[in-house]
Protein backbone atom coordinates (compact mmCIF):
# COMPACT_ATOMS: atom_id res chain seq x y z
CA UNK A 1 -30.54 22.32 61.28
CA UNK A 2 -28.50 22.36 58.13
CA UNK A 3 -29.82 20.48 55.14
CA UNK A 4 -27.22 19.10 52.80
CA UNK A 5 -28.14 19.79 49.23
CA UNK A 6 -26.97 17.38 46.53
CA UNK A 7 -26.05 18.70 43.19
CA UNK A 8 -27.79 17.18 40.16
CA UNK A 9 -24.59 15.44 39.10
CA UNK A 10 -24.28 13.83 42.53
CA UNK A 11 -27.90 12.64 42.43
CA UNK A 12 -27.32 11.18 38.96
CA UNK A 13 -24.29 9.30 40.22
CA UNK A 14 -26.20 7.89 43.20
CA UNK A 15 -29.14 6.84 41.00
CA UNK A 16 -26.74 5.18 38.53
CA UNK A 17 -25.06 3.24 41.31
CA UNK A 18 -28.45 2.07 42.56
CA UNK A 19 -29.59 0.94 39.14
CA UNK A 20 -26.30 -0.89 38.61
CA UNK A 21 -26.71 -2.70 41.92
CA UNK A 22 -30.29 -3.73 41.07
CA UNK A 23 -29.14 -4.99 37.67
CA UNK A 24 -26.43 -7.13 39.22
CA UNK A 25 -28.89 -8.58 41.73
CA UNK A 26 -31.44 -9.35 39.01
CA UNK A 27 -28.80 -10.94 36.80
CA UNK A 28 -27.44 -13.01 39.66
CA UNK A 29 -30.91 -14.16 40.57
CA UNK A 30 -31.71 -15.11 36.95
CA UNK A 31 -28.54 -17.14 36.51
CA UNK A 32 -29.17 -19.06 39.72
CA UNK A 33 -32.85 -19.89 39.16
CA UNK A 34 -34.66 -22.32 36.93
CA UNK A 35 -35.56 -20.62 33.66
CA UNK A 36 -37.28 -21.76 30.49
CA UNK A 37 -37.26 -20.08 27.11
CA UNK A 38 -40.11 -20.23 24.66
CA UNK A 39 -39.79 -18.85 21.15
CA UNK A 40 -43.16 -18.67 19.42
CA UNK A 41 -44.86 -19.76 22.68
CA UNK A 42 -45.39 -18.26 26.09
CA UNK A 43 -45.76 -21.64 27.79
CA UNK A 44 -42.80 -23.92 26.95
CA UNK A 45 -43.23 -27.55 28.01
CA UNK A 46 -42.14 -28.25 31.60
CA UNK A 47 -39.59 -30.83 30.40
CA UNK A 48 -37.86 -28.42 28.01
CA UNK A 49 -35.37 -25.67 28.76
CA UNK A 50 -36.05 -24.34 25.26
CA UNK A 51 -39.14 -24.79 23.05
CA UNK A 52 -39.56 -23.42 19.55
CA UNK A 53 -42.94 -23.14 17.90
CA UNK A 54 -43.69 -21.94 14.36
CA UNK A 55 -46.12 -22.74 11.57
CA UNK A 56 -43.95 -21.24 8.83
CA UNK A 57 -40.31 -21.61 9.89
CA UNK A 58 -37.90 -24.36 10.91
CA UNK A 59 -34.91 -24.83 13.19
CA UNK A 60 -31.58 -24.25 11.40
CA UNK A 61 -28.56 -25.85 13.09
CA UNK A 62 -24.95 -24.89 12.29
CA UNK A 63 -23.96 -26.06 8.75
CA UNK A 64 -20.50 -27.56 8.24
CA UNK A 65 -18.66 -29.57 5.59
CA UNK A 66 -16.87 -32.86 6.36
CA UNK A 67 -13.62 -30.98 6.63
CA UNK A 68 -15.01 -28.35 8.99
CA UNK A 69 -16.73 -31.01 11.14
CA UNK A 70 -13.51 -32.95 11.49
CA UNK A 71 -11.78 -29.81 12.87
CA UNK A 72 -13.96 -30.19 15.97
CA UNK A 73 -11.33 -32.06 17.99
CA UNK A 74 -13.46 -32.63 21.12
CA UNK A 75 -17.13 -32.48 20.13
CA UNK A 76 -19.60 -32.78 23.03
CA UNK A 77 -21.81 -35.83 23.28
CA UNK A 78 -25.10 -34.90 21.59
CA UNK A 79 -23.59 -32.11 19.45
CA UNK A 80 -25.71 -31.62 16.31
CA UNK A 81 -24.79 -30.18 12.89
CA UNK A 82 -26.15 -30.14 9.36
CA UNK A 83 -23.48 -31.60 7.11
CA UNK A 84 -23.24 -29.79 3.79
CA UNK A 85 -21.13 -32.65 2.31
CA UNK A 86 -23.62 -35.43 3.02
CA UNK A 87 -26.72 -33.17 2.96
CA UNK A 88 -27.87 -34.62 6.28
CA UNK A 89 -28.14 -33.91 10.01
CA UNK A 90 -25.43 -35.58 12.07
CA UNK A 91 -25.14 -36.04 15.84
CA UNK A 92 -22.04 -36.93 17.89
CA UNK A 93 -22.61 -40.01 20.07
CA UNK A 94 -19.56 -39.88 22.36
CA UNK A 95 -17.41 -41.97 19.99
CA UNK A 96 -18.39 -41.07 16.42
CA UNK A 97 -20.66 -38.90 14.34
CA UNK A 98 -24.01 -40.56 13.52
CA UNK A 99 -25.73 -39.78 10.21
CA UNK A 100 -29.50 -39.52 10.61
CA UNK A 101 -30.09 -40.23 6.87
CA UNK A 102 -28.06 -43.43 6.53
CA UNK A 103 -28.58 -44.46 10.19
CA UNK A 104 -24.89 -45.30 10.33
CA UNK A 105 -21.87 -44.24 12.38
CA UNK A 106 -19.20 -42.29 10.51
CA UNK A 107 -16.00 -44.04 11.35
CA UNK A 108 -12.73 -42.64 10.04
CA UNK A 109 -9.96 -45.22 9.50
CA UNK A 110 -7.09 -45.37 11.94
CA UNK A 111 -3.67 -44.83 10.41
CA UNK A 112 -0.12 -45.39 11.51
CA UNK A 113 3.42 -44.84 10.25
CA UNK A 114 6.64 -46.39 11.50
CA UNK A 115 10.22 -46.66 10.32
CA UNK A 116 11.96 -50.00 9.62
CA UNK A 117 12.35 -52.15 12.73
CA UNK A 118 9.72 -50.16 14.58
CA UNK A 119 6.38 -51.58 15.76
CA UNK A 120 2.79 -50.44 15.20
CA UNK A 121 0.24 -51.05 17.98
CA UNK A 122 -3.39 -50.25 17.20
CA UNK A 123 -6.57 -50.71 19.21
CA UNK A 124 -10.17 -50.06 18.21
CA UNK A 125 -12.74 -48.74 20.75
CA UNK A 126 -14.30 -51.24 23.09
CA UNK A 127 -16.98 -53.28 21.32
CA UNK A 128 -15.41 -52.74 17.86
CA UNK A 129 -13.15 -54.95 15.69
CA UNK A 130 -10.96 -54.19 12.68
CA UNK A 131 -12.79 -55.08 9.52
CA UNK A 132 -10.95 -53.58 6.52
CA UNK A 133 -7.40 -52.68 5.54
CA UNK A 134 -7.63 -49.77 3.10
CA UNK A 135 -3.85 -49.28 2.79
CA UNK A 136 -0.75 -51.19 3.80
CA UNK A 137 2.76 -50.86 2.42
CA UNK A 138 6.13 -51.93 3.72
CA UNK A 139 8.74 -50.25 1.54
CA UNK A 140 8.85 -46.54 0.64
CA UNK A 141 5.23 -45.38 0.77
CA UNK A 142 4.52 -41.64 0.59
CA UNK A 143 1.89 -39.31 2.05
CA UNK A 144 0.80 -38.51 5.59
CA UNK A 145 -2.16 -38.73 8.01
CA UNK A 146 -3.86 -41.61 6.26
CA UNK A 147 -3.57 -40.17 2.74
CA UNK A 148 -1.01 -42.64 1.40
CA UNK A 149 0.41 -43.75 -1.93
CA UNK A 150 2.67 -46.62 -2.93
CA UNK A 151 6.30 -45.74 -3.44
CA UNK A 152 8.87 -47.28 -5.81
CA UNK A 153 9.58 -50.00 -3.26
CA UNK A 154 6.61 -52.03 -1.97
CA UNK A 155 6.20 -55.47 -0.46
CA UNK A 156 3.32 -57.06 -2.35
CA UNK A 157 2.30 -59.09 0.68
CA UNK A 158 1.86 -56.02 2.92
CA UNK A 159 -1.93 -55.96 2.86
CA UNK A 160 -2.49 -59.70 3.37
CA UNK A 161 -0.05 -59.83 6.32
CA UNK A 162 -1.79 -56.93 8.07
CA UNK A 163 -5.19 -58.47 7.36
CA UNK A 164 -4.19 -61.80 8.89
CA UNK A 165 -3.11 -60.02 12.09
CA UNK A 166 -5.85 -57.43 12.40
CA UNK A 167 -9.22 -58.46 10.91
CA UNK A 168 -11.72 -59.60 13.47
CA UNK A 169 -9.58 -58.42 16.38
CA UNK A 170 -9.97 -55.44 18.69
CA UNK A 171 -6.20 -54.79 18.71
CA UNK A 172 -3.04 -55.95 17.05
CA UNK A 173 0.71 -55.30 16.80
CA UNK A 174 2.96 -55.61 13.79
CA UNK A 175 6.67 -55.10 13.28
CA UNK A 176 8.02 -53.19 10.27
CA UNK A 177 10.80 -55.59 9.43
CA UNK A 178 12.20 -57.81 6.74
CA UNK A 179 11.49 -60.76 9.01
CA UNK A 180 7.76 -60.11 8.69
CA UNK A 181 7.39 -58.87 5.09
CA UNK A 182 10.59 -60.02 3.40
CA UNK A 183 12.95 -57.52 1.82
CA UNK A 184 11.34 -55.86 -1.18
CA UNK A 185 14.35 -53.64 -1.98
CA UNK A 186 17.73 -54.51 -0.54
CA UNK A 187 19.89 -51.70 0.76
CA UNK A 188 16.95 -49.28 1.04
CA UNK A 189 15.74 -47.95 4.38
CA UNK A 190 12.06 -48.88 4.56
CA UNK A 191 8.95 -47.95 6.55
CA UNK A 192 5.44 -49.27 7.11
CA UNK A 193 2.33 -47.17 6.47
CA UNK A 194 -1.17 -48.50 7.03
CA UNK A 195 -4.80 -47.35 7.26
CA UNK A 196 -7.44 -49.64 8.72
CA UNK A 197 -11.14 -49.37 9.51
CA UNK A 198 -13.13 -50.91 12.33
CA UNK A 199 -16.84 -51.72 12.86
CA UNK A 200 -19.10 -52.53 15.73
CA UNK A 201 -18.91 -56.15 16.89
CA UNK A 202 -22.23 -57.83 16.09
């Protein structure tokens, strides 16, 4: 009977293959089983996937400024950050960020821009109504994305007209036309810019 002898290099390769297979099985089993993690404890609570315990340290969430937070275009419901700008922990509640210090939702104004003879249609989330017009100008306003300034041409009644249509309502439409605002500067092509806030309906 002939006995096949394996060279050391061959044995090493076979052992490596076996260890790799075992690692894959272990990893697959871990990812498909219920697991809890305890940091500072060997017995995390049954209701927690992660429990942290310490008598001399705290939990430090990601720290962002207002500008950095607002770059999160689709934050997950329940996402938590520490806001450097407000010096407070904030949590996303599916619609808005909620500040745990002020106990208030952080609602950014809606804004819209349309050229003369166009129409603006705005709607607040369900359960909210428009409550404040922070900017409205029919004429030649300047700026973009809600950061607006009055131009050399401005209809003085812009804000009051928008308020009459919007405040207390969940949605509204307004036409950017001389028929609505009058003509503040004849012969000039005009536009309508506005920024408006909403609040929860009480």
